């Protein structure tokens, strides 16, 4: 997938909100839309 520009890999794929405390290999809940987002080597994906 390549390296994302700046902070683009920290956006929710469903609503584009900036997510807090994003680390590689983690899952977080979007504060705006409530989506569960998994972060891995392929970038953010909705679970």
C-alpha atoms as a PDB file:
ATOM      1  CA  UNK A   1       0.000   0.000   0.000  1.00  0.00           C
ATOM      2  CA  UNK A   2       2.943   2.351   0.519  1.00  0.00           C
ATOM      3  CA  UNK A   3       3.468   5.036   3.107  1.00  0.00           C
ATOM      4  CA  UNK A   4       0.449   7.313   3.681  1.00  0.00           C
ATOM      5  CA  UNK A   5       0.945  11.054   3.545  1.00  0.00           C
ATOM      6  CA  UNK A   6       1.221  12.655   6.969  1.00  0.00           C
ATOM      7  CA  UNK A   7      -1.929  11.803   8.996  1.00  0.00           C
ATOM      8  CA  UNK A   8      -4.164  10.285   6.298  1.00  0.00           C
ATOM      9  CA  UNK A   9      -3.767   6.799   7.776  1.00  0.00           C
ATOM     10  CA  UNK A  10      -5.339   8.065  11.035  1.00  0.00           C
ATOM     11  CA  UNK A  11      -8.756   8.870   9.486  1.00  0.00           C
ATOM     12  CA  UNK A  12     -11.894   6.806  10.009  1.00  0.00           C
ATOM     13  CA  UNK A  13     -12.673   5.094   6.674  1.00  0.00           C
ATOM     14  CA  UNK A  14     -16.426   5.542   7.289  1.00  0.00           C
ATOM     15  CA  UNK A  15     -16.715   9.226   8.274  1.00  0.00           C
ATOM     16  CA  UNK A  16     -13.178  10.658   7.859  1.00  0.00           C
ATOM     17  CA  UNK A  17     -12.902  11.764  11.500  1.00  0.00           C
ATOM     18  CA  UNK A  18      -9.373  12.046  12.929  1.00  0.00           C
ATOM     19  CA  UNK A  19      -8.883   9.145  15.343  1.00  0.00           C
ATOM     20  CA  UNK A  20      -6.950   9.408  18.602  1.00  0.00           C
ATOM     21  CA  UNK A  21      -4.362   6.965  19.962  1.00  0.00           C
ATOM     22  CA  UNK A  22      -3.869   5.044  16.742  1.00  0.00           C
ATOM     23  CA  UNK A  23      -1.108   2.464  16.900  1.00  0.00           C
ATOM     24  CA  UNK A  24      -0.175  -0.270  14.485  1.00  0.00           C
ATOM     25  CA  UNK A  25      -1.994  -3.569  15.073  1.00  0.00           C
ATOM     26  CA  UNK A  26      -4.741  -1.951  17.190  1.00  0.00           C
ATOM     27  CA  UNK A  27      -8.524  -1.579  17.080  1.00  0.00           C
ATOM     28  CA  UNK A  28     -10.292   1.645  18.105  1.00  0.00           C
ATOM     29  CA  UNK A  29     -13.854   2.996  18.180  1.00  0.00           C
ATOM     30  CA  UNK A  30     -14.483   6.139  16.137  1.00  0.00           C
ATOM     31  CA  UNK A  31     -15.620   8.992  18.378  1.00  0.00           C
ATOM     32  CA  UNK A  32     -17.866  10.428  15.629  1.00  0.00           C
ATOM     33  CA  UNK A  33     -19.683   7.503  13.996  1.00  0.00           C
ATOM     34  CA  UNK A  34     -18.985   4.642  16.436  1.00  0.00           C
ATOM     35  CA  UNK A  35     -17.374   2.390  13.824  1.00  0.00           C
ATOM     36  CA  UNK A  36     -14.879  -0.172  15.054  1.00  0.00           C
ATOM     37  CA  UNK A  37     -11.677   0.434  13.098  1.00  0.00           C
ATOM     38  CA  UNK A  38      -8.782  -2.010  12.833  1.00  0.00           C
ATOM     39  CA  UNK A  39      -5.307  -0.744  11.966  1.00  0.00           C
ATOM     40  CA  UNK A  40      -2.814  -3.123  10.421  1.00  0.00           C
ATOM     41  CA  UNK A  41      -0.190  -3.168   7.689  1.00  0.00           C
ATOM     42  CA  UNK A  42      -2.866  -2.445   5.035  1.00  0.00           C
ATOM     43  CA  UNK A  43      -4.128   0.689   6.812  1.00  0.00           C
ATOM     44  CA  UNK A  44      -7.455   1.376   8.552  1.00  0.00           C
ATOM     45  CA  UNK A  45     -10.447  -0.871   7.836  1.00  0.00           C
ATOM     46  CA  UNK A  46     -13.934  -1.102   9.336  1.00  0.00           C
ATOM     47  CA  UNK A  47     -14.566  -4.255  11.327  1.00  0.00           C
END
